[in-house]
Amino acid sequence: MPDIRIEHATILTVDADFKIIDKGWIAVEADRIVAIGSMAENIPPAASEVVDATGCLVLPGLINAHTHLPMSLFRGLADDLPLFEWLQDHIFPAESAFITPETVRPATLLSCAEMLLSGTTTCCDGYFLESDVARAVCDSGMRAVLGQGVIDHPAPGVPDPSRNIEAARSFLSACEHLSSRIRPSLFCHSPYTCSEETLLRTKALCRETGVRFQIHAAETKWEYEHLKETTGATPIGYLDRLGLLDPDTLLVHAIWVDETDIERIHRSGASVVHTAQSAMKLASGIAPIERYIALGIPTALGTDGSASNNTMDMFREMDITAKLHKIANWDPTVLNSRTVIEMATIQAAKAIGLEREIGSIEVGKKADLVILDAAKPHLAPLYHPESQVVYAARGADVRDTMVDGNWLVRNGKCIAFDLEAVQAEVRRIADEIRRKGPEGHR
């Protein structure tokens, strides 16, 4: 007998055929989907728990493919600034002063709560003190690929940059037996904050240990021109010349690229993460996402950190991504709703190396599911569920969220951990930031 049966739902499977089942049911046993069917065609099996999803949409858990989880502490701290000024004058000083093992945990849990409540079940993170991030994510019940940050500057947890690779190796060891839901990774901040030696040593460690290599790349015009001047190559060309592009490389942003760069990414098998809202807010540019997708490059959606996006709602990200690229291309058919949903589910799963486990509702896959209340006025009538998901739904419409067969959100409430206590602690830290200023001194 399955443990849980969800029934009377409209199911968006996001399988290879993008099958949509009206009045469907899903059976879950332990952490896996064991059966799927239609109420009209199959008698669903008995189950210990039966969940009525009448008037609801059921989706695969959304995947946020680029986050900086502890940066929820800095949401709204420094807005409306160019990227370089934002980083150098505000974010880096704030991180140096306020990112500690004690602050990372509540900040990470706050981000996890925001994602779970808005239907995200998996994230791919890159930050510092990532061992502390990993323990918090583990306690939240979420699934994640977590990357220890590597940079050639003093950073939280690694005040001596000469020890950045040593810290990365220690992180990988610390994650070995933490949870089956946690996959370790390494995250080089960028080609302009990491030396050639650091990039090569980090990628070598990734290859040695079989983990993904993440990097911000080709994000801004300044970066593009700086790399051309200092290395004689575009950012993507530089990474390619160093031999860093392969199927285990995750390129975040990839905005400032030419046709040769796009072909380099395609040839290498690397994946791309698109963070439309963050790029819009920082005026970084518009990535040629439609080109990546046309070539079959795994292309995922992410929100980036809360300091450069202010929200981690993937429904909002899908909506804005679709519309941005339609107007940029003067073509309303670009990035249709099905494509954008795939970017937030199965394509994201491919980009982070988890497509055999998550990203679609199929028998044998992990039971990472989201139930969306489609009875809301702004979601009616329901002619095309995939269109409503992208253009009308929002994170607040999520009723229930399941990860690994466990309910983490029920009836719009986070039941995975004590969110009120987390919010109280974040407010206390925020008060300290207000008193001392982002540099951490009075």
Protein backbone atom coordinates (compact mmCIF):
# COMPACT_ATOMS: atom_id res chain seq x y z
CA MET A 1 0.00 0.00 0.00
CA PRO A 2 1.44 3.43 -0.94
CA ASP A 3 1.97 5.89 1.86
CA ILE A 4 0.27 8.85 0.12
CA ARG A 5 -2.22 9.24 -2.73
CA ILE A 6 -2.92 12.64 -4.26
CA GLU A 7 -6.13 12.60 -6.31
CA HIS A 8 -8.55 14.65 -8.46
CA ALA A 9 -5.72 16.94 -9.60
CA THR A 10 -4.67 18.39 -12.93
CA ILE A 11 -1.16 16.98 -13.24
CA LEU A 12 1.56 18.63 -15.31
CA THR A 13 4.01 15.76 -15.61
CA VAL A 14 6.71 17.67 -17.57
CA ASP A 15 7.72 14.29 -19.01
CA ALA A 16 9.16 13.96 -22.54
CA ASP A 17 5.68 14.49 -24.02
CA PHE A 18 4.69 17.18 -21.52
CA LYS A 19 1.63 15.09 -20.72
CA ILE A 20 -1.13 16.80 -18.75
CA ILE A 21 -3.55 14.53 -16.87
CA ASP A 22 -6.98 15.86 -16.01
CA LYS A 23 -8.45 14.52 -12.76
CA GLY A 24 -5.31 12.52 -12.16
CA TRP A 25 -3.78 10.76 -9.19
CA ILE A 26 -0.26 10.12 -7.92
CA ALA A 27 0.80 7.39 -5.51
CA VAL A 28 3.88 7.92 -3.33
CA GLU A 29 5.71 5.25 -1.36
CA ALA A 30 8.57 6.32 0.90
CA ASP A 31 10.52 8.88 -1.18
CA ARG A 32 9.40 7.78 -4.67
CA ILE A 33 6.50 8.14 -7.09
CA VAL A 34 5.24 4.58 -7.59
CA ALA A 35 2.17 5.08 -9.78
CA ILE A 36 0.36 7.76 -11.79
CA GLY A 37 -3.04 7.57 -13.43
CA SER A 38 -6.34 9.16 -14.37
CA MET A 39 -9.38 8.84 -12.13
CA ALA A 40 -11.43 8.11 -15.27
CA GLU A 41 -9.15 5.35 -16.56
CA ASN A 42 -7.54 3.69 -13.54
CA ILE A 43 -8.70 2.84 -10.05
CA PRO A 44 -6.10 4.41 -7.76
CA PRO A 45 -4.52 2.17 -5.13
CA ALA A 46 -5.47 2.43 -1.50
CA ALA A 47 -3.07 4.54 0.57
CA SER A 48 -2.41 5.40 4.18
CA GLU A 49 -3.01 9.10 3.48
CA VAL A 50 -5.34 10.42 0.79
CA VAL A 51 -4.98 14.06 -0.27
CA ASP A 52 -7.87 15.68 -2.14
CA ALA A 53 -6.46 18.01 -4.80
CA THR A 54 -9.75 18.92 -6.46
CA GLY A 55 -9.37 22.26 -8.23
CA CYS A 56 -5.59 22.07 -7.92
CA LEU A 57 -2.59 21.75 -10.23
CA VAL A 58 0.21 19.36 -9.32
CA LEU A 59 3.68 20.14 -10.65
CA PRO A 60 7.14 18.69 -10.24
CA GLY A 61 8.93 20.61 -7.50
CA LEU A 62 10.51 23.72 -9.00
CA ILE A 63 14.30 23.94 -9.15
CA ASN A 64 16.06 27.23 -8.44
CA ALA A 65 19.37 26.68 -10.24
CA HIS A 66 21.28 29.66 -8.82
CA THR A 67 21.06 31.01 -5.30
CA HIS A 68 23.19 32.59 -2.58
CA LEU A 69 21.08 31.46 0.36
CA PRO A 70 22.54 33.50 3.26
CA MET A 71 22.17 36.70 1.25
CA SER A 72 18.56 36.92 2.40
CA LEU A 73 20.16 38.96 5.21
CA PHE A 74 20.91 41.69 2.66
CA ARG A 75 17.55 41.85 0.88
CA GLY A 76 16.98 45.52 0.02
CA LEU A 77 20.21 46.64 1.71
CA ALA A 78 21.74 48.17 -1.43
CA ASP A 79 19.44 48.55 -4.42
CA ASP A 80 19.55 50.49 -7.69
CA LEU A 81 23.32 50.31 -8.16
CA PRO A 82 25.67 49.04 -10.91
CA LEU A 83 27.02 45.54 -10.26
CA PHE A 84 30.63 46.48 -9.57
CA GLU A 85 29.70 49.30 -7.16
CA TRP A 86 27.04 47.09 -5.55
CA LEU A 87 29.58 44.33 -4.92
CA GLN A 88 32.68 46.32 -3.97
CA ASP A 89 31.10 49.10 -1.90
CA HIS A 90 28.19 47.31 -0.26
CA ILE A 91 27.91 43.53 -0.53
CA PHE A 92 31.55 42.49 0.02
CA PRO A 93 31.86 44.73 3.13
CA ALA A 94 28.54 43.49 4.51
CA GLU A 95 29.56 39.88 3.96
CA SER A 96 32.88 40.47 5.70
CA ALA A 97 31.18 42.01 8.73
CA PHE A 98 28.03 39.93 9.11
CA ILE A 99 28.37 36.52 7.44
CA THR A 100 29.33 34.19 10.28
CA PRO A 101 28.38 30.62 11.23
CA GLU A 102 25.84 32.11 13.62
CA THR A 103 24.12 34.29 11.00
CA VAL A 104 24.34 31.84 8.10
CA ARG A 105 21.94 29.34 9.65
CA PRO A 106 18.89 31.62 10.17
CA ALA A 107 19.53 33.41 6.87
CA THR A 108 19.68 30.10 5.01
CA LEU A 109 16.55 28.79 6.69
CA LEU A 110 14.72 32.01 5.80
CA SER A 111 15.62 31.43 2.14
CA CYS A 112 14.56 27.80 2.36
CA ALA A 113 11.20 28.79 3.83
CA GLU A 114 10.63 31.34 1.07
CA MET A 115 11.40 28.74 -1.58
CA LEU A 116 9.36 25.93 -0.04
CA LEU A 117 6.34 28.18 0.46
CA SER A 118 6.53 29.21 -3.21
CA GLY A 119 6.96 25.71 -4.64
CA THR A 120 10.73 25.32 -4.97
CA THR A 121 11.95 21.97 -3.69
CA THR A 122 15.57 22.02 -4.94
CA CYS A 123 18.18 24.73 -5.25
CA CYS A 124 21.74 25.03 -6.53
CA ASP A 125 23.68 27.32 -4.23
CA GLY A 126 27.10 28.90 -4.22
CA TYR A 127 28.39 30.80 -1.21
CA PHE A 128 30.87 30.93 1.66
CA LEU A 129 30.69 29.01 4.95
CA GLU A 130 28.86 26.46 2.85
CA SER A 131 29.24 23.70 5.46
CA ASP A 132 26.98 25.77 7.71
CA VAL A 133 24.65 26.40 4.78
CA ALA A 134 24.54 22.64 4.12
CA ARG A 135 23.55 21.80 7.70
CA ALA A 136 20.74 24.37 7.60
CA VAL A 137 19.46 23.15 4.22
CA CYS A 138 19.60 19.57 5.50
CA ASP A 139 17.47 20.56 8.49
CA SER A 140 14.98 22.37 6.25
CA GLY A 141 14.16 19.17 4.36
CA MET A 142 15.00 20.67 0.95
CA ARG A 143 17.08 19.07 -1.76
CA ALA A 144 20.16 20.99 -2.92
CA VAL A 145 23.42 21.12 -4.81
CA LEU A 146 25.63 23.27 -2.59
CA GLY A 147 28.86 24.89 -3.75
CA GLN A 148 31.60 26.16 -1.47
CA GLY A 149 32.67 29.57 -2.73
CA VAL A 150 36.22 30.05 -4.00
CA ILE A 151 37.66 33.54 -4.49
CA ASP A 152 41.09 35.20 -4.37
CA HIS A 153 40.07 37.67 -1.69
CA PRO A 154 39.46 37.28 2.05
CA ALA A 155 36.02 35.72 2.44
CA PRO A 156 33.79 34.53 5.29
CA GLY A 157 35.34 31.36 6.68
CA VAL A 158 38.47 31.75 4.52
CA PRO A 159 40.24 34.95 5.65
CA ASP A 160 43.47 33.77 3.97
CA PRO A 161 42.80 33.36 0.21
CA SER A 162 45.86 31.13 -0.16
CA ARG A 163 43.87 28.45 1.67
CA ASN A 164 40.78 28.62 -0.57
CA ILE A 165 41.37 25.22 -2.20
CA GLU A 166 42.09 23.64 1.17
CA ALA A 167 38.78 25.03 2.46
CA ALA A 168 37.02 23.68 -0.64
CA ARG A 169 38.42 20.20 -0.07
CA SER A 170 37.39 20.30 3.60
CA PHE A 171 33.85 21.25 2.56
CA LEU A 172 33.60 18.29 0.19
CA SER A 173 34.71 15.95 2.97
CA ALA A 174 32.22 17.46 5.42
CA CYS A 175 29.31 16.82 3.03
CA GLU A 176 30.09 13.16 2.35
CA HIS A 177 27.57 11.69 4.80
CA LEU A 178 25.35 14.67 5.57
CA SER A 179 22.20 13.65 3.65
CA SER A 180 21.23 11.94 0.42
CA ARG A 181 19.38 15.16 -0.44
CA ILE A 182 22.61 17.20 -0.40
CA ARG A 183 25.10 17.10 -3.29
CA PRO A 184 28.35 19.07 -2.85
CA SER A 185 29.81 21.32 -5.52
CA LEU A 186 32.47 24.04 -5.87
CA PHE A 187 31.73 27.59 -6.95
CA CYS A 188 34.40 29.93 -8.33
CA HIS A 189 33.05 33.44 -7.98
CA SER A 190 34.13 34.69 -11.43
CA PRO A 191 37.01 34.79 -13.93
CA TYR A 192 37.99 38.26 -12.66
CA THR A 193 38.02 37.44 -8.92
CA CYS A 194 39.80 34.10 -9.32
CA SER A 195 43.29 33.75 -10.79
CA GLU A 196 44.08 31.30 -13.54
CA GLU A 197 45.76 29.07 -10.96
CA THR A 198 42.71 29.16 -8.69
CA LEU A 199 40.37 28.33 -11.56
CA LEU A 200 42.52 25.41 -12.68
CA ARG A 201 43.02 24.01 -9.18
CA THR A 202 39.30 24.27 -8.37
CA LYS A 203 38.29 22.51 -11.57
CA ALA A 204 40.92 19.83 -10.97
CA LEU A 205 39.45 19.20 -7.52
CA CYS A 206 35.96 18.99 -9.05
CA ARG A 207 37.16 16.40 -11.54
CA GLU A 208 38.99 14.46 -8.85
CA THR A 209 35.90 14.25 -6.65
CA GLY A 210 33.21 14.11 -9.36
CA VAL A 211 31.34 17.28 -8.38
CA ARG A 212 29.96 20.15 -10.41
CA PHE A 213 31.98 23.29 -11.11
CA GLN A 214 29.93 26.51 -10.90
CA ILE A 215 31.04 29.98 -11.98
CA HIS A 216 29.58 33.41 -12.72
CA ALA A 217 30.69 34.09 -16.28
CA ALA A 218 30.13 36.73 -18.98
CA GLU A 219 27.75 38.61 -16.70
CA THR A 220 28.50 42.23 -17.58
CA LYS A 221 29.94 44.40 -20.34
CA TRP A 222 32.68 45.46 -17.93
CA GLU A 223 33.70 41.83 -17.36
CA TYR A 224 33.67 41.15 -21.11
CA GLU A 225 35.92 44.13 -21.86
CA HIS A 226 38.17 43.48 -18.85
CA LEU A 227 38.82 39.86 -19.84
CA LYS A 228 39.41 40.84 -23.47
CA GLU A 229 41.99 43.39 -22.33
CA THR A 230 43.75 41.20 -19.74
CA THR A 231 43.56 37.76 -21.37
CA GLY A 232 42.92 38.48 -25.04
CA ALA A 233 39.76 36.39 -24.91
CA THR A 234 36.08 36.71 -24.09
CA PRO A 235 35.08 35.34 -20.66
CA ILE A 236 33.76 32.13 -22.23
CA GLY A 237 36.76 31.94 -24.55
CA TYR A 238 39.09 32.31 -21.57
CA LEU A 239 37.38 29.51 -19.64
CA ASP A 240 37.45 27.34 -22.75
CA ARG A 241 41.16 28.03 -23.29
CA LEU A 242 41.83 26.87 -19.73
CA GLY A 243 39.90 23.66 -20.38
CA LEU A 244 37.22 24.44 -17.81
CA LEU A 245 34.17 23.85 -19.99
CA ASP A 246 32.70 20.34 -19.90
CA PRO A 247 29.37 18.63 -19.04
CA ASP A 248 30.05 19.15 -15.32
CA THR A 249 30.40 22.94 -15.66
CA LEU A 250 27.52 25.26 -14.76
CA LEU A 251 27.83 28.73 -16.30
CA VAL A 252 25.77 31.31 -14.45
CA HIS A 253 24.52 34.26 -16.54
CA ALA A 254 26.42 33.83 -19.86
CA ILE A 255 25.00 37.14 -21.07
CA TRP A 256 27.93 38.77 -22.88
CA VAL A 257 28.71 36.15 -25.50
CA ASP A 258 29.23 36.02 -29.26
CA GLU A 259 28.38 33.21 -31.69
CA THR A 260 31.78 31.60 -31.16
CA ASP A 261 31.17 31.56 -27.40
CA ILE A 262 27.76 29.96 -27.87
CA GLU A 263 29.33 27.25 -30.01
CA ARG A 264 32.02 26.72 -27.36
CA ILE A 265 29.35 26.13 -24.72
CA HIS A 266 27.43 23.81 -27.03
CA ARG A 267 30.49 21.81 -28.01
CA SER A 268 31.67 21.42 -24.42
CA GLY A 269 28.37 20.10 -23.03
CA ALA A 270 28.31 22.77 -20.31
CA SER A 271 25.02 24.10 -18.93
CA VAL A 272 23.72 27.64 -18.45
CA VAL A 273 21.67 29.26 -15.69
CA HIS A 274 19.58 32.31 -16.57
CA THR A 275 18.66 34.81 -13.84
CA ALA A 276 16.46 37.28 -15.69
CA GLN A 277 15.28 39.46 -12.82
CA SER A 278 18.68 39.88 -11.21
CA ALA A 279 20.22 40.74 -14.59
CA MET A 280 17.43 43.24 -15.24
CA LYS A 281 17.79 44.86 -11.84
CA LEU A 282 21.57 45.21 -12.20
CA ALA A 283 21.19 46.20 -15.88
CA SER A 284 23.66 43.48 -16.83
CA GLY A 285 22.05 42.64 -20.17
CA ILE A 286 19.87 39.98 -21.79
CA ALA A 287 21.29 36.52 -22.38
CA PRO A 288 20.61 34.80 -25.74
CA ILE A 289 18.59 32.09 -24.05
CA GLU A 290 16.62 31.21 -27.17
CA ARG A 291 19.93 30.37 -28.93
CA TYR A 292 21.06 28.12 -26.09
CA ILE A 293 17.76 26.26 -26.08
CA ALA A 294 17.71 25.89 -29.87
CA LEU A 295 21.11 24.19 -29.70
CA GLY A 296 20.01 21.85 -26.92
CA ILE A 297 22.22 23.41 -24.26
CA PRO A 298 20.69 22.57 -20.84
CA THR A 299 19.35 25.96 -19.76
CA ALA A 300 17.94 26.49 -16.28
CA LEU A 301 16.27 29.28 -14.37
CA GLY A 302 17.52 30.74 -11.11
CA THR A 303 16.66 33.73 -8.99
CA ASP A 304 20.20 34.65 -7.86
CA GLY A 305 20.51 35.92 -4.29
CA SER A 306 17.90 37.97 -2.47
CA ALA A 307 20.21 41.00 -2.48
CA SER A 308 20.08 41.31 -6.27
CA ASN A 309 16.57 40.03 -6.92
CA ASN A 310 14.70 40.62 -3.63
CA THR A 311 12.54 37.54 -4.13
CA MET A 312 13.09 33.82 -4.69
CA ASP A 313 9.66 33.17 -6.20
CA MET A 314 10.25 30.96 -9.25
CA PHE A 315 6.73 31.57 -10.58
CA ARG A 316 7.60 35.24 -10.84
CA GLU A 317 10.90 34.31 -12.47
CA MET A 318 9.14 32.20 -15.10
CA ASP A 319 6.67 34.96 -15.96
CA ILE A 320 9.27 37.69 -16.33
CA THR A 321 11.70 35.46 -18.24
CA ALA A 322 9.10 34.59 -20.85
CA LYS A 323 8.01 38.19 -21.33
CA LEU A 324 11.52 39.67 -21.35
CA HIS A 325 12.65 37.48 -24.23
CA LYS A 326 9.49 38.01 -26.24
CA ILE A 327 9.97 41.77 -26.23
CA ALA A 328 13.75 41.50 -26.71
CA ASN A 329 13.17 39.41 -29.84
CA TRP A 330 10.01 41.21 -31.00
CA ASP A 331 8.46 37.74 -31.16
CA PRO A 332 5.57 36.55 -28.93
CA THR A 333 6.33 32.91 -29.75
CA VAL A 334 9.80 32.96 -28.16
CA LEU A 335 10.04 31.03 -24.85
CA ASN A 336 6.51 29.69 -24.73
CA SER A 337 5.04 28.57 -21.43
CA ARG A 338 6.03 24.91 -21.85
CA THR A 339 9.66 25.86 -22.51
CA VAL A 340 9.85 28.13 -19.46
CA ILE A 341 8.31 25.49 -17.18
CA GLU A 342 10.92 23.04 -18.44
CA MET A 343 13.65 25.59 -17.61
CA ALA A 344 12.39 25.58 -14.02
CA THR A 345 12.07 21.79 -13.79
CA ILE A 346 13.56 19.14 -16.08
CA GLN A 347 16.12 21.38 -17.82
CA ALA A 348 17.24 22.69 -14.45
CA ALA A 349 17.55 19.11 -13.23
CA LYS A 350 19.78 18.35 -16.23
CA ALA A 351 21.88 21.45 -15.59
CA ILE A 352 22.65 20.37 -12.02
CA GLY A 353 23.01 16.67 -12.82
CA LEU A 354 19.83 15.37 -11.18
CA GLU A 355 17.57 14.66 -14.17
CA ARG A 356 17.31 10.96 -13.31
CA GLU A 357 15.92 11.81 -9.88
CA ILE A 358 13.83 14.97 -10.18
CA GLY A 359 12.40 17.50 -12.64
CA SER A 360 9.32 15.62 -13.82
CA ILE A 361 6.46 13.56 -12.43
CA GLU A 362 7.28 10.02 -13.54
CA VAL A 363 7.20 6.61 -11.89
CA GLY A 364 10.48 5.91 -10.17
CA LYS A 365 11.45 9.54 -9.65
CA LYS A 366 11.70 11.24 -6.30
CA ALA A 367 8.44 12.45 -4.78
CA ASP A 368 9.21 16.17 -5.00
CA LEU A 369 5.78 17.65 -5.70
CA VAL A 370 3.94 20.96 -5.51
CA ILE A 371 0.17 21.39 -5.22
CA LEU A 372 -1.04 24.74 -6.53
CA ASP A 373 -4.49 26.04 -5.61
CA ALA A 374 -6.03 26.76 -9.01
CA ALA A 375 -9.36 27.82 -7.54
CA LYS A 376 -8.06 31.37 -7.07
CA PRO A 377 -9.87 33.99 -9.20
CA HIS A 378 -6.71 34.94 -11.09
CA LEU A 379 -6.25 31.31 -12.22
CA ALA A 380 -9.74 30.82 -13.65
CA PRO A 381 -10.84 29.60 -16.10
CA LEU A 382 -8.25 26.90 -16.73
CA TYR A 383 -8.02 26.45 -20.51
CA HIS A 384 -4.28 25.77 -20.68
CA PRO A 385 -2.72 24.86 -17.31
CA GLU A 386 0.83 25.49 -18.52
CA SER A 387 -0.05 29.06 -19.51
CA GLN A 388 -1.67 29.76 -16.17
CA VAL A 389 1.40 28.46 -14.35
CA VAL A 390 3.71 30.86 -16.17
CA TYR A 391 1.57 33.95 -16.74
CA ALA A 392 -0.91 33.97 -13.84
CA ALA A 393 0.31 31.85 -10.93
CA ARG A 394 2.51 33.12 -8.14
CA GLY A 395 4.31 31.55 -5.24
CA ALA A 396 1.54 32.49 -2.83
CA ASP A 397 -0.79 30.10 -4.70
CA VAL A 398 1.16 27.07 -3.45
CA ARG A 399 -0.92 25.01 -1.05
CA ASP A 400 1.37 22.06 -0.32
CA THR A 401 5.01 21.19 -0.97
CA MET A 402 6.57 17.72 -0.72
CA VAL A 403 10.26 16.74 -0.84
CA ASP A 404 11.44 13.13 -0.75
CA GLY A 405 7.88 12.03 0.08
CA ASN A 406 7.72 14.33 3.13
CA TRP A 407 5.30 17.24 3.47
CA LEU A 408 7.24 20.44 4.22
CA VAL A 409 4.38 22.87 3.48
CA ARG A 410 0.72 22.10 4.20
CA ASN A 411 -2.16 24.47 3.52
CA GLY A 412 0.24 27.33 2.88
CA LYS A 413 2.13 26.92 6.15
CA CYS A 414 5.75 25.87 6.60
CA ILE A 415 5.77 22.78 8.81
CA ALA A 416 9.39 21.79 8.18
CA PHE A 417 10.80 23.96 10.98
CA ASP A 418 9.92 26.87 13.29
CA LEU A 419 9.74 29.74 10.82
CA GLU A 420 8.66 32.28 13.45
CA ALA A 421 11.82 31.65 15.45
CA VAL A 422 13.93 31.98 12.31
CA GLN A 423 12.29 35.27 11.38
CA ALA A 424 12.81 36.62 14.88
CA GLU A 425 16.52 35.82 14.70
CA VAL A 426 16.84 37.41 11.24
CA ARG A 427 15.14 40.56 12.54
CA ARG A 428 17.66 40.68 15.40
CA ILE A 429 20.59 40.43 12.96
CA ALA A 430 19.02 43.06 10.69
CA ASP A 431 18.75 45.44 13.65
CA GLU A 432 22.48 44.99 14.24
CA ILE A 433 23.23 45.71 10.57
CA ARG A 434 21.14 48.90 10.82
CA ARG A 435 23.01 50.01 13.95
CA LYS A 436 26.50 49.30 12.67
CA GLY A 437 26.01 49.95 8.97
CA PRO A 438 26.92 47.46 6.22
CA GLU A 439 30.66 47.79 6.98
CA GLY A 440 30.06 46.49 10.51
CA HIS A 441 31.40 49.44 12.51
CA ARG A 442 29.64 52.12 14.50
